[in-house]
Protein backbone atom coordinates (compact mmCIF):
# COMPACT_ATOMS: atom_id res chain seq x y z
CA MET A 1 213.02 -82.35 -0.18
CA LYS A 2 214.24 -79.68 2.23
CA VAL A 3 212.58 -79.61 5.57
CA SER A 4 212.06 -75.70 5.51
CA LYS A 5 209.01 -76.45 2.51
CA MET A 6 208.00 -79.01 4.17
CA PHE A 7 204.34 -79.76 5.66
CA PHE A 8 206.28 -80.75 9.02
CA ASN A 9 205.45 -80.61 12.51
CA THR A 10 206.79 -82.94 15.62
CA LEU A 11 205.10 -82.88 19.05
CA ARG A 12 207.26 -82.76 22.28
CA GLU A 13 205.00 -83.87 24.52
CA VAL A 14 203.23 -87.65 24.67
CA PRO A 15 199.56 -86.87 23.25
CA ALA A 16 196.98 -88.07 25.65
CA GLU A 17 195.51 -90.49 23.85
CA ALA A 18 198.28 -92.65 22.81
CA GLU A 19 199.27 -95.63 24.72
CA ILE A 20 201.77 -97.54 22.78
CA PRO A 21 204.90 -96.84 20.86
CA SER A 22 203.54 -96.94 17.67
CA HIS A 23 200.95 -94.23 18.37
CA VAL A 24 202.99 -92.02 20.66
CA PHE A 25 205.83 -91.71 18.31
CA LEU A 26 203.73 -91.82 14.86
CA LEU A 27 201.82 -88.97 16.44
CA ARG A 28 205.00 -87.01 18.20
CA ALA A 29 206.63 -87.29 14.64
CA GLY A 30 203.95 -85.25 13.08
CA MET A 31 202.78 -88.75 10.45
CA ILE A 32 199.33 -89.20 11.78
CA ARG A 33 196.91 -86.81 13.19
CA LYS A 34 193.43 -88.16 14.62
CA GLU A 35 190.08 -86.59 12.83
CA VAL A 36 188.43 -88.49 15.34
CA SER A 37 187.97 -91.80 17.43
CA GLY A 38 189.23 -94.99 15.29
CA PHE A 39 189.81 -92.33 12.33
CA TYR A 40 193.44 -91.50 11.27
CA SER A 41 195.06 -88.75 8.80
CA PHE A 42 198.24 -89.57 7.34
CA LEU A 43 200.29 -85.96 6.90
CA PRO A 44 203.43 -86.43 4.44
CA LEU A 45 206.27 -88.55 6.56
CA GLY A 46 203.77 -90.60 7.14
CA MET A 47 202.00 -91.49 3.61
CA ARG A 48 205.73 -92.13 2.42
CA ALA A 49 205.90 -95.06 5.08
CA LEU A 50 202.72 -96.45 3.67
CA HIS A 51 203.26 -96.32 0.04
CA LYS A 52 206.20 -97.73 0.80
CA VAL A 53 204.68 -101.09 2.72
CA GLU A 54 201.86 -100.84 0.21
CA ASN A 55 204.58 -101.12 -2.92
CA ILE A 56 206.50 -103.44 -1.42
CA VAL A 57 202.62 -105.67 -0.71
CA ARG A 58 202.44 -104.77 -4.83
CA GLU A 59 205.19 -105.73 -5.89
CA GLU A 60 205.38 -109.25 -4.04
CA MET A 61 201.78 -109.66 -5.21
CA ASP A 62 202.41 -109.16 -8.60
CA ALA A 63 205.35 -111.43 -8.69
CA ALA A 64 203.19 -114.32 -7.49
CA GLY A 65 200.83 -113.51 -10.20
CA ALA A 66 198.29 -112.20 -8.40
CA GLN A 67 196.91 -108.88 -11.12
CA GLU A 68 195.18 -105.42 -9.40
CA ILE A 69 191.71 -104.63 -9.56
CA LEU A 70 189.76 -101.95 -7.48
CA THR A 71 186.15 -102.19 -6.50
CA SER A 72 184.10 -99.92 -4.49
CA ALA A 73 184.36 -99.07 -0.57
CA VAL A 74 180.37 -99.21 -0.46
CA GLN A 75 178.90 -102.38 -1.02
CA PRO A 76 175.20 -102.90 -1.76
CA ALA A 77 173.17 -104.58 0.62
CA GLU A 78 171.90 -107.33 -1.72
CA LEU A 79 175.60 -109.46 -1.88
CA TRP A 80 175.33 -109.54 1.72
CA GLN A 81 172.20 -111.13 2.44
CA GLU A 82 172.87 -113.27 -0.62
CA SER A 83 175.83 -114.98 1.44
CA GLY A 84 174.20 -115.08 4.47
CA ARG A 85 176.71 -112.49 6.59
CA TRP A 86 174.36 -109.23 6.53
CA TYR A 87 173.42 -110.56 9.73
CA ALA A 88 175.67 -112.82 10.66
CA TYR A 89 178.73 -110.30 10.74
CA GLY A 90 177.40 -108.61 13.16
CA PRO A 91 177.26 -104.92 14.66
CA GLU A 92 180.74 -103.95 13.31
CA LEU A 93 179.40 -104.01 9.64
CA TRP A 94 178.93 -100.45 9.23
CA ARG A 95 175.57 -100.33 7.94
CA THR A 96 173.98 -96.87 5.73
CA LYS A 97 171.50 -96.20 3.52
CA ASP A 98 171.28 -94.09 0.19
CA ARG A 99 168.23 -91.39 -0.36
CA ASN A 100 166.24 -93.77 -1.88
CA GLU A 101 166.70 -96.07 1.03
CA ARG A 102 168.69 -98.75 -0.07
CA ASP A 103 170.76 -100.26 2.20
CA PHE A 104 174.67 -100.78 2.16
CA VAL A 105 177.62 -101.69 3.91
CA LEU A 106 181.26 -99.61 3.74
CA GLY A 107 183.45 -102.90 3.32
CA PRO A 108 185.10 -104.57 6.08
CA THR A 109 186.65 -106.65 3.69
CA ALA A 110 185.12 -107.88 0.19
CA GLU A 111 184.46 -111.95 0.12
CA GLU A 112 181.30 -110.89 -1.34
CA VAL A 113 182.43 -108.45 -4.53
CA PHE A 114 185.30 -110.01 -5.88
CA THR A 115 182.91 -113.18 -5.35
CA ASN A 116 180.59 -111.01 -7.86
CA VAL A 117 182.91 -109.59 -10.16
CA VAL A 118 184.50 -113.13 -10.98
CA ARG A 119 180.69 -114.96 -11.61
CA GLN A 120 180.07 -112.27 -13.96
CA ASN A 121 182.98 -112.51 -15.87
CA VAL A 122 184.59 -116.62 -15.31
CA THR A 123 182.35 -119.41 -17.29
CA SER A 124 184.89 -121.62 -18.27
CA TRP A 125 188.05 -123.99 -16.70
CA ARG A 126 189.66 -122.48 -19.13
CA GLN A 127 189.57 -119.20 -17.26
CA LEU A 128 190.80 -120.85 -13.94
CA PRO A 129 193.13 -120.31 -11.72
CA ILE A 130 192.60 -116.65 -10.99
CA ASN A 131 194.31 -114.46 -8.26
CA ILE A 132 193.37 -110.97 -8.23
CA TYR A 133 193.99 -108.07 -5.43
CA GLN A 134 193.12 -104.59 -4.22
CA ILE A 135 194.60 -101.78 -1.57
CA GLN A 136 191.47 -100.21 -0.57
CA THR A 137 190.18 -98.29 2.50
CA LYS A 138 188.03 -100.73 4.60
CA TYR A 139 186.16 -100.12 7.71
CA ARG A 140 184.89 -101.98 10.88
CA ASP A 141 182.92 -100.08 13.34
CA GLU A 142 184.87 -101.16 16.61
CA ALA A 143 183.11 -101.10 19.67
CA ARG A 144 186.59 -99.68 21.27
CA PRO A 145 188.79 -98.30 18.72
CA ARG A 146 192.55 -97.70 20.17
CA PHE A 147 196.30 -98.57 20.57
CA GLY A 148 196.28 -95.86 17.58
CA LEU A 149 196.57 -98.19 13.58
CA ILE A 150 196.36 -101.38 15.69
CA ARG A 151 192.61 -100.89 16.43
CA SER A 152 191.11 -98.53 14.06
CA ARG A 153 187.77 -97.88 12.38
CA GLU A 154 189.27 -96.63 8.89
CA PHE A 155 192.44 -98.48 7.59
CA LEU A 156 194.34 -99.40 4.38
CA MET A 157 193.91 -103.16 3.53
CA LYS A 158 195.07 -105.68 0.95
CA ASP A 159 192.73 -108.64 0.51
CA ALA A 160 193.03 -111.05 -2.67
CA TYR A 161 191.43 -113.60 -3.20
CA SER A 162 192.41 -117.14 -5.73
CA PHE A 163 189.70 -118.67 -7.86
CA ASP A 164 190.35 -122.99 -8.82
CA ARG A 165 189.02 -125.69 -10.50
CA ASP A 166 189.16 -127.86 -7.11
CA GLU A 167 190.60 -128.24 -3.70
CA ASP A 168 194.34 -129.34 -4.47
CA GLY A 169 194.17 -125.68 -7.19
CA LEU A 170 193.39 -124.14 -4.24
CA GLN A 171 196.38 -125.79 -2.04
CA VAL A 172 198.76 -124.31 -4.70
CA SER A 173 197.43 -120.71 -4.51
CA TYR A 174 197.49 -121.07 -0.88
CA ASP A 175 200.98 -122.10 -1.00
CA ASN A 176 202.34 -119.40 -3.37
CA MET A 177 200.70 -116.49 -1.17
CA TYR A 178 201.92 -118.15 1.81
CA ASP A 179 205.04 -117.69 0.28
CA ALA A 180 204.59 -114.12 -0.49
CA TYR A 181 203.13 -113.05 2.77
CA SER A 182 206.64 -113.72 4.03
CA LYS A 183 208.34 -112.35 1.25
CA VAL A 184 206.14 -109.39 1.91
CA PHE A 185 206.68 -108.71 6.01
CA THR A 186 210.78 -109.74 5.92
CA ARG A 187 210.98 -107.30 3.11
CA CYS A 188 209.17 -104.45 5.18
CA GLY A 189 212.13 -105.57 8.24
CA LEU A 190 209.32 -107.70 10.62
CA PHE A 191 210.02 -109.97 13.18
CA PHE A 192 207.14 -112.73 12.75
CA ARG A 193 205.29 -115.72 12.92
CA PRO A 194 203.01 -117.92 10.55
CA VAL A 195 200.82 -119.82 13.50
CA GLU A 196 197.43 -121.76 12.95
CA ALA A 197 194.16 -118.88 13.43
CA ASP A 198 190.63 -119.54 13.31
CA THR A 199 188.86 -118.20 10.74
CA GLY A 200 186.53 -115.97 12.63
CA ALA A 201 183.66 -114.02 10.33
CA ILE A 202 185.51 -114.51 6.95
CA GLY A 203 184.46 -117.93 7.42
CA GLY A 204 185.83 -121.36 5.63
CA SER A 205 188.58 -123.90 7.33
CA GLY A 206 192.48 -124.08 7.66
CA SER A 207 194.37 -120.53 8.34
CA HIS A 208 197.69 -118.66 8.83
CA GLU A 209 197.94 -115.16 10.95
CA PHE A 210 201.02 -113.75 9.90
CA CYS A 211 201.96 -112.68 13.71
CA ALA A 212 204.73 -109.36 14.11
CA LEU A 213 206.03 -110.53 17.83
CA SER A 214 205.70 -107.17 20.29
CA ASP A 215 205.28 -107.09 23.97
CA THR A 216 202.25 -104.75 23.20
CA GLY A 217 200.25 -107.34 20.76
CA GLU A 218 196.85 -107.77 21.54
CA GLU A 219 197.05 -110.98 20.59
CA GLU A 220 198.61 -114.44 22.11
CA ILE A 221 200.17 -116.81 20.33
CA LEU A 222 201.74 -120.02 21.57
CA TYR A 223 204.45 -122.61 20.71
CA CYS A 224 206.37 -125.11 21.17
CA GLU A 225 210.02 -124.82 20.73
CA ASN A 226 210.04 -128.69 20.11
CA CYS A 227 208.45 -129.10 17.39
CA ASP A 228 207.09 -126.76 14.83
CA MET A 229 202.97 -125.97 16.58
CA ALA A 230 202.28 -122.71 16.59
CA ALA A 231 198.81 -121.35 16.87
CA THR A 232 196.91 -118.26 18.08
CA ALA A 233 195.30 -119.03 21.86
CA GLU A 234 192.24 -119.07 20.19
CA LYS A 235 193.27 -121.95 17.68
CA ALA A 236 194.86 -124.29 19.70
CA ASP A 237 194.14 -127.83 19.84
CA PHE A 238 194.39 -129.14 23.34
CA LYS A 239 195.85 -132.99 24.37
CA ASP A 240 193.54 -134.38 26.58
CA GLU A 241 195.35 -135.59 29.75
CA VAL A 242 194.58 -139.19 30.47
CA MET A 243 192.76 -140.10 33.44
CA PRO A 244 193.33 -142.89 35.44
CA ALA A 245 191.13 -145.70 34.90
CA GLU A 246 188.49 -145.99 37.92
CA GLU A 247 185.40 -147.99 38.59
CA GLU A 248 182.36 -145.92 38.44
CA LEU A 249 181.30 -145.28 42.01
CA PRO A 250 177.61 -144.46 42.54
CA MET A 251 176.35 -140.65 43.10
CA GLU A 252 176.21 -138.94 46.56
CA GLU A 253 174.96 -135.32 46.82
CA VAL A 254 177.17 -133.66 49.90
CA LEU A 255 176.44 -130.93 51.92
CA THR A 256 179.03 -128.16 50.46
CA PRO A 257 177.62 -124.48 51.93
CA GLY A 258 178.94 -121.24 50.72
CA THR A 259 182.08 -123.51 48.40
CA LYS A 260 180.90 -121.57 45.01
CA THR A 261 183.81 -121.57 42.85
CA ILE A 262 185.84 -124.96 42.35
CA GLU A 263 189.10 -123.81 44.78
CA ASP A 264 186.48 -123.31 47.37
CA VAL A 265 184.42 -126.79 47.06
CA CYS A 266 187.65 -129.01 46.14
CA ASN A 267 189.01 -127.75 49.57
CA PHE A 268 186.40 -128.70 51.27
CA LEU A 269 185.92 -132.10 50.13
CA GLY A 270 190.07 -132.37 49.77
CA VAL A 271 189.82 -133.23 46.34
CA ASP A 272 191.86 -132.42 43.16
CA GLN A 273 190.95 -129.77 40.96
CA LYS A 274 191.22 -132.14 38.05
CA LYS A 275 188.17 -134.23 39.40
CA SER A 276 185.95 -131.56 39.43
CA ILE A 277 184.06 -129.97 37.32
CA LYS A 278 182.87 -126.12 36.59
CA ALA A 279 179.69 -124.84 34.51
CA ILE A 280 179.62 -121.50 33.00
CA MET A 281 176.28 -121.08 31.21
CA TYR A 282 175.74 -118.16 27.90
CA GLU A 283 172.71 -116.97 26.24
CA VAL A 284 172.73 -117.48 21.98
CA TYR A 285 170.56 -114.98 20.44
CA ASN A 286 168.78 -115.85 16.78
CA GLU A 287 167.69 -113.07 14.58
CA ASP A 288 164.57 -114.87 14.23
CA LYS A 289 164.05 -114.97 18.25
CA PRO A 290 163.00 -112.71 20.74
CA GLU A 291 164.36 -115.11 23.42
CA PRO A 292 167.95 -116.26 23.89
CA GLU A 293 168.81 -120.13 24.02
CA TYR A 294 170.50 -121.30 27.03
CA VAL A 295 173.76 -122.84 26.77
CA CYS A 296 175.22 -124.85 29.38
CA CYS A 297 179.32 -125.78 28.84
CA PHE A 298 181.51 -128.35 31.22
CA ILE A 299 184.99 -128.18 31.38
CA ARG A 300 187.16 -129.90 33.66
CA GLY A 301 187.89 -127.57 37.19
CA ASP A 302 191.28 -126.59 36.63
CA ARG A 303 190.55 -125.85 32.94
CA GLN A 304 190.38 -122.60 31.51
CA LEU A 305 187.59 -122.30 28.64
CA ASN A 306 187.85 -120.90 25.07
CA GLU A 307 185.09 -119.47 24.30
CA THR A 308 186.21 -118.89 20.03
CA LYS A 309 185.90 -123.06 20.31
CA LEU A 310 182.40 -122.78 22.16
CA ILE A 311 181.10 -120.31 19.02
CA ASN A 312 182.25 -122.65 16.65
CA ALA A 313 181.55 -125.87 18.03
CA LEU A 314 177.82 -123.54 18.00
CA ASP A 315 178.25 -122.41 14.74
CA VAL A 316 176.59 -118.72 16.02
CA PRO A 317 178.38 -114.99 15.76
CA GLU A 318 180.27 -114.01 18.23
CA PHE A 319 178.25 -111.23 18.99
CA ALA A 320 175.24 -112.78 19.14
CA ILE A 321 176.94 -115.19 22.74
CA LYS A 322 176.84 -113.59 25.83
CA MET A 323 176.90 -114.60 29.78
CA ALA A 324 173.98 -115.79 30.91
CA ASP A 325 171.53 -114.02 33.20
CA GLU A 326 171.36 -116.74 35.74
CA SER A 327 168.66 -115.15 37.61
CA LYS A 328 166.66 -115.96 34.87
CA MET A 329 168.22 -118.71 33.74
CA GLY A 330 168.26 -120.60 36.54
CA PRO A 331 164.44 -120.95 36.64
CA ALA A 332 164.37 -122.07 33.13
CA THR A 333 166.30 -125.02 33.63
CA GLY A 334 167.53 -125.71 36.98
CA CYS A 335 170.94 -124.08 37.13
CA VAL A 336 171.55 -122.63 40.81
CA ALA A 337 174.84 -119.66 40.76
CA GLY A 338 177.59 -121.13 41.57
CA PHE A 339 176.28 -124.79 42.10
CA THR A 340 175.75 -125.51 38.65
CA GLY A 341 176.41 -129.44 37.52
CA PRO A 342 175.08 -131.31 34.50
CA VAL A 343 172.82 -133.32 36.43
CA GLY A 344 169.55 -132.03 36.82
CA LEU A 345 169.76 -129.57 34.08
CA HIS A 346 166.29 -129.17 31.83
CA ASP A 347 165.57 -126.78 28.77
CA CYS A 348 169.15 -125.71 28.09
CA LYS A 349 171.49 -126.95 25.37
CA ILE A 350 174.42 -129.10 27.44
CA ILE A 351 178.29 -128.55 25.65
CA VAL A 352 181.13 -131.03 26.95
CA ASP A 353 184.57 -130.81 26.72
CA THR A 354 185.75 -134.14 25.48
CA GLU A 355 187.94 -134.76 28.41
CA LEU A 356 185.35 -135.32 30.79
CA VAL A 357 183.78 -138.16 28.35
CA ASN A 358 186.35 -140.79 30.14
CA ALA A 359 186.73 -139.23 33.53
CA LYS A 360 185.77 -140.89 36.42
CA ASN A 361 183.65 -139.87 39.55
CA MET A 362 183.94 -136.34 39.50
CA VAL A 363 182.55 -133.69 41.76
CA ALA A 364 180.23 -131.29 40.31
CA GLY A 365 177.06 -129.19 41.22
CA ALA A 366 174.07 -130.49 42.26
CA CYS A 367 172.22 -127.71 40.85
CA LYS A 368 170.89 -127.11 44.23
CA ALA A 369 171.84 -124.58 46.53
CA ASP A 370 175.19 -125.63 49.11
CA HIS A 371 175.41 -128.55 47.49
CA HIS A 372 177.44 -130.54 45.37
CA ILE A 373 177.61 -134.63 43.41
CA LYS A 374 180.29 -136.67 43.98
CA ASN A 375 181.22 -139.55 41.83
CA VAL A 376 179.55 -137.90 39.24
CA ASN A 377 180.39 -139.86 35.21
CA TYR A 378 179.45 -139.13 31.62
CA GLY A 379 177.20 -141.88 29.57
CA ARG A 380 175.82 -143.19 33.08
CA ASP A 381 174.60 -139.92 34.67
CA TYR A 382 174.70 -137.23 31.86
CA THR A 383 175.01 -136.80 28.35
CA ALA A 384 175.45 -133.98 26.14
CA ASP A 385 173.89 -132.39 23.12
CA ILE A 386 177.81 -131.44 21.84
CA VAL A 387 181.41 -133.20 22.94
CA LYS A 388 183.94 -130.88 21.67
CA ASP A 389 187.59 -129.55 22.60
CA LEU A 390 186.76 -126.33 24.48
CA LYS A 391 189.75 -126.16 26.22
CA LEU A 392 192.11 -122.97 26.55
CA LEU A 393 196.02 -123.62 25.95
CA GLN A 394 197.98 -121.76 28.24
CA GLU A 395 202.10 -121.60 28.58
CA GLY A 396 203.40 -124.71 30.51
CA ASP A 397 200.21 -126.84 29.23
CA PRO A 398 201.68 -130.01 27.16
CA CYS A 399 202.12 -129.38 23.55
CA PRO A 400 198.70 -130.59 21.21
CA CYS A 401 201.62 -132.71 19.10
CA CYS A 402 204.56 -133.90 20.98
CA GLY A 403 203.77 -133.15 24.88
CA LYS A 404 206.38 -130.82 25.65
CA PRO A 405 205.26 -127.57 27.66
CA VAL A 406 204.54 -125.08 25.63
CA LYS A 407 205.17 -120.91 25.47
CA THR A 408 203.65 -117.83 24.45
CA ALA A 409 204.10 -114.71 22.84
CA ARG A 410 202.01 -111.25 22.31
CA SER A 411 201.86 -110.39 18.49
CA ILE A 412 200.19 -107.95 16.45
CA GLU A 413 198.00 -109.67 13.52
CA VAL A 414 199.42 -108.27 9.96
CA GLY A 415 198.09 -111.02 7.87
CA GLN A 416 195.95 -113.65 7.36
CA VAL A 417 195.59 -116.31 4.85
CA PHE A 418 191.83 -118.61 4.52
CA LYS A 419 191.05 -121.47 2.28
CA LEU A 420 187.64 -120.62 1.70
CA HIS A 421 186.93 -123.85 -0.65
CA THR A 422 183.29 -123.17 -1.89
CA LYS A 423 181.28 -121.21 1.68
CA TYR A 424 180.83 -118.11 -0.91
CA SER A 425 180.56 -119.33 -4.04
CA GLU A 426 177.94 -122.16 -3.69
CA LYS A 427 175.65 -119.53 -1.59
CA MET A 428 176.72 -116.89 -4.47
CA GLY A 429 176.26 -119.33 -7.61
CA LEU A 430 180.09 -119.33 -8.79
CA THR A 431 180.13 -121.61 -11.11
CA TYR A 432 182.20 -122.71 -13.53
CA LYS A 433 182.24 -125.81 -16.40
CA ASP A 434 184.70 -128.16 -17.12
CA GLU A 435 185.85 -129.95 -19.87
CA ASN A 436 182.81 -132.09 -20.09
CA GLN A 437 180.82 -129.40 -19.72
CA GLU A 438 179.63 -130.13 -16.30
CA GLU A 439 179.21 -127.31 -13.70
CA HIS A 440 181.03 -127.00 -10.72
CA HIS A 441 181.40 -124.68 -7.81
CA VAL A 442 184.76 -122.46 -7.92
CA VAL A 443 187.28 -123.15 -5.01
CA MET A 444 188.64 -119.91 -3.30
CA GLY A 445 190.36 -118.32 -0.92
CA CYS A 446 191.50 -114.98 0.72
CA TYR A 447 194.46 -113.35 1.86
CA GLY A 448 195.07 -110.32 3.49
CA ILE A 449 197.29 -107.60 5.02
CA GLY A 450 196.31 -104.87 7.20
CA VAL A 451 198.73 -102.24 5.95
CA SER A 452 198.29 -99.35 7.57
CA ARG A 453 198.98 -101.69 10.33
CA THR A 454 202.35 -103.25 9.13
CA VAL A 455 202.68 -99.66 9.39
CA ALA A 456 202.47 -99.70 13.47
CA ALA A 457 203.50 -103.11 13.58
CA ILE A 458 206.85 -101.83 12.15
CA VAL A 459 207.36 -98.95 14.77
CA GLU A 460 206.32 -101.17 17.75
CA GLN A 461 209.61 -103.50 16.43
CA HIS A 462 211.67 -100.35 15.61
CA HIS A 463 211.83 -97.78 18.42
CA ASP A 464 213.74 -96.97 21.44
CA GLU A 465 213.40 -93.95 24.08
CA ASN A 466 213.97 -91.00 21.25
CA GLY A 467 211.81 -92.51 18.29
CA ILE A 468 211.52 -94.61 15.29
CA ILE A 469 214.03 -96.36 13.54
CA TRP A 470 212.53 -97.40 10.54
CA PRO A 471 213.97 -99.67 8.42
CA MET A 472 215.69 -98.52 5.25
CA SER A 473 212.76 -100.17 3.43
CA VAL A 474 210.25 -98.94 4.27
CA ALA A 475 211.98 -95.24 5.81
CA PRO A 476 210.29 -92.02 4.44
CA TYR A 477 213.41 -90.84 3.63
CA HIS A 478 216.85 -92.74 3.10
CA VAL A 479 219.30 -89.82 4.64
CA ILE A 480 218.50 -86.65 6.28
CA ILE A 481 221.17 -83.94 6.35
CA ASP A 482 221.19 -81.86 9.46
CA LEU A 483 222.64 -78.20 8.64
CA VAL A 484 224.15 -76.72 11.29
CA ASN A 485 224.05 -73.38 11.00
CA VAL A 486 222.04 -71.63 8.14
CA LYS A 487 223.90 -68.92 8.67
CA ASP A 488 227.14 -69.70 7.42
CA GLU A 489 227.50 -69.92 4.10
CA VAL A 490 229.96 -72.94 3.87
CA GLN A 491 227.52 -75.39 5.45
CA VAL A 492 224.98 -74.16 3.40
CA GLU A 493 226.60 -74.80 0.06
CA VAL A 494 228.56 -78.14 1.57
CA ALA A 495 224.82 -79.41 2.62
CA ASN A 496 223.30 -77.89 -0.69
CA LYS A 497 225.93 -80.15 -2.70
CA LEU A 498 225.46 -82.70 -1.04
CA TYR A 499 221.90 -83.02 -0.87
CA GLU A 500 221.78 -82.63 -4.48
CA ASP A 501 224.51 -85.79 -5.41
CA LEU A 502 222.38 -87.96 -3.12
CA LEU A 503 219.13 -86.80 -5.72
CA ALA A 504 220.69 -87.62 -8.09
CA ALA A 505 222.62 -90.66 -7.20
CA GLY A 506 218.41 -91.89 -6.55
CA ILE A 507 218.92 -91.95 -2.94
CA GLU A 508 215.97 -89.83 -1.05
CA VAL A 509 216.99 -87.46 0.85
CA MET A 510 215.27 -84.52 3.57
CA LEU A 511 217.82 -81.35 4.12
CA ASP A 512 217.19 -80.15 7.23
CA ASP A 513 217.51 -76.71 6.76
CA ARG A 514 215.20 -74.91 9.57
CA ASP A 515 216.86 -71.94 11.63
CA GLU A 516 216.56 -73.99 14.53
CA ARG A 517 219.15 -74.90 17.56
CA PRO A 518 220.91 -78.15 16.87
CA GLY A 519 219.65 -79.87 19.46
CA VAL A 520 216.45 -79.23 18.18
CA LYS A 521 216.98 -80.33 14.68
CA PHE A 522 219.06 -84.05 15.83
CA LYS A 523 215.75 -84.87 17.96
CA ASP A 524 213.49 -84.71 15.18
CA ALA A 525 215.74 -86.77 13.32
CA ASP A 526 216.07 -89.32 16.01
CA LEU A 527 211.78 -88.59 16.10
CA ILE A 528 211.01 -89.20 12.46
CA GLY A 529 213.65 -92.08 12.49
CA ILE A 530 215.69 -91.77 9.03
CA PRO A 531 218.00 -94.43 8.83
CA ILE A 532 220.80 -91.99 8.06
CA ARG A 533 222.10 -88.95 9.16
CA ILE A 534 224.76 -86.72 8.09
CA VAL A 535 225.78 -83.35 10.27
CA VAL A 536 226.87 -80.63 8.23
CA GLY A 537 228.82 -78.62 10.92
CA LYS A 538 231.71 -76.49 12.11
CA ARG A 539 234.25 -78.75 10.19
CA ALA A 540 232.13 -77.92 6.71
CA GLY A 541 234.77 -76.13 5.52
CA GLU A 542 237.36 -79.16 5.56
CA GLY A 543 235.40 -81.19 3.99
CA ILE A 544 234.44 -83.41 6.74
CA VAL A 545 230.84 -83.90 8.16
CA GLU A 546 229.17 -86.12 10.42
CA TYR A 547 227.97 -89.41 9.75
CA LYS A 548 225.65 -91.55 11.98
CA LEU A 549 223.21 -94.58 11.94
CA ARG A 550 219.68 -94.16 13.34
CA ARG A 551 219.99 -97.50 14.42
CA GLU A 552 223.63 -97.50 16.09
CA ALA A 553 224.97 -95.03 19.03
CA ASP A 554 228.27 -94.10 17.71
CA LYS A 555 228.93 -91.06 15.10
CA VAL A 556 232.36 -90.58 12.73
CA GLU A 557 233.54 -87.68 10.87
CA MET A 558 234.60 -88.65 7.41
CA SER A 559 234.53 -86.23 4.40
CA VAL A 560 231.96 -85.36 2.63
CA GLU A 561 233.08 -87.80 -0.45
CA GLU A 562 233.64 -90.89 2.51
CA ALA A 563 229.96 -90.01 3.79
CA LYS A 564 227.90 -89.84 0.19
CA ALA A 565 229.66 -92.97 -1.15
CA ALA A 566 228.69 -94.51 2.95
CA ALA A 567 225.21 -94.15 2.59
CA ILE A 568 224.42 -94.86 -1.24
CA GLU A 569 226.66 -98.25 -0.50
CA LEU A 570 224.03 -98.94 2.21
CA VAL A 571 220.65 -97.76 1.13
CA HIS A 572 221.10 -99.53 -1.85
CA LYS A 573 222.58 -102.97 -0.05
CA GLU A 574 219.60 -103.10 2.51
CA ILE A 575 217.07 -102.14 -0.27
CA ARG A 576 218.75 -104.25 -2.85
CA GLY A 577 219.51 -107.27 -0.90
């Protein structure tokens, strides 16, 4: 494509809204434009990169035996009510009505729709297994859209669903998709790591996220260099510390004026924070009850609470829980801000971390202003409605698998695979008949890739101070030819001939034939990140051009034929392997 004929407009200044490199460079390179918060239009160069990622996804899904379909992005509310997610999905679910006041949603995902498609068409074990997918626009009404394509309200997603006879079949489908995802992200040029993950609003159990490592990523992952342990912070298990055995001592209430923090009370009493109990209070809301249920969580004083683990322990949607208003919770339950402990609470659900069950002679709030209790013991002095691991694994904590210190990294989630089991098939009546005409629920898996987010993740990993550095497999074009002087007939002839030859060889090429200064063209070439740049300049009459790879600093002069051959060879090598 000749740039003079392209819809092509780069920006010199960094847009005020842009916060991270992918957002900055995709806007500056004229690949995307903001319409309104969380909504972006893809312009020609951006669309070509998006299609490259989309085609890689499609090729690997097809190779893995999945079949492509397309469902409507507008989904009837009845399906979501049937699955139980009409309420449970929360405020991110974009609800709307038609002119007849019938409820619909703009689909954020498609478990219900795909389950409905299969239950209308599958009845026999002979039709299983099935894996079907789509690449489609999705909508989530994010409270705080940010970082451009990383967290937007409209995005392109590939979602696939497997349907099997039993758990063994699901494992085969899951492993198949896991392998396909590894191939997708490798071909996209991403440095990524699959990690164990929480299933969130999708549900089910057993999940891996494919995380593109990036310092600007929103998500924290934890990993161990000594073993294979790797998980998101929300999912990571915590290995309880075994505390020394002690004889249980009598409880003793002590005056601790002004000591509202763990650090303050432990310093005041001269005890290690490991010997203290931290209280965190919450309100949980139910769609059928106007008043909240109060919840009080207890963990060791030197630990941090993992809210995702708490939400899973309570089995409530994330949006249905919030920090308690202690001025209201106090009169109802007996808690006292800064001095709450597990002894003496009433009318609230008590959740205790597993580590406290065998911890002896702990210090806890006395549910009385300026007082704490020494020698508090689980079982004797208090019990729990739920005992679960509630701890947040942090850098330096022992690995739950081998005990060595774990490390952390930031990442961007680009894909996730789930084992749904029979979560949706049971609720929505998706069954099949086996060889003996006995009816069973279909066992399902779910597999998502953020296609537009993957584009942003690639830029996050592949850029420098001058712009994007596209991997060849996803670059909008493979080669850009910069014509230095559009008024020089020899340069024009050489550039056009090289352009036509590369096109004939199947190379995607841009010819920058604009009447602009060379510096402008060079800056634009770096900004948009085309992998190979060939400059046709003053030595064109000698048959000499400048050849440069965007990812390298060096540039070399070579003959036109050598440059053409080098470009063709590199493109074929990096795309075809």
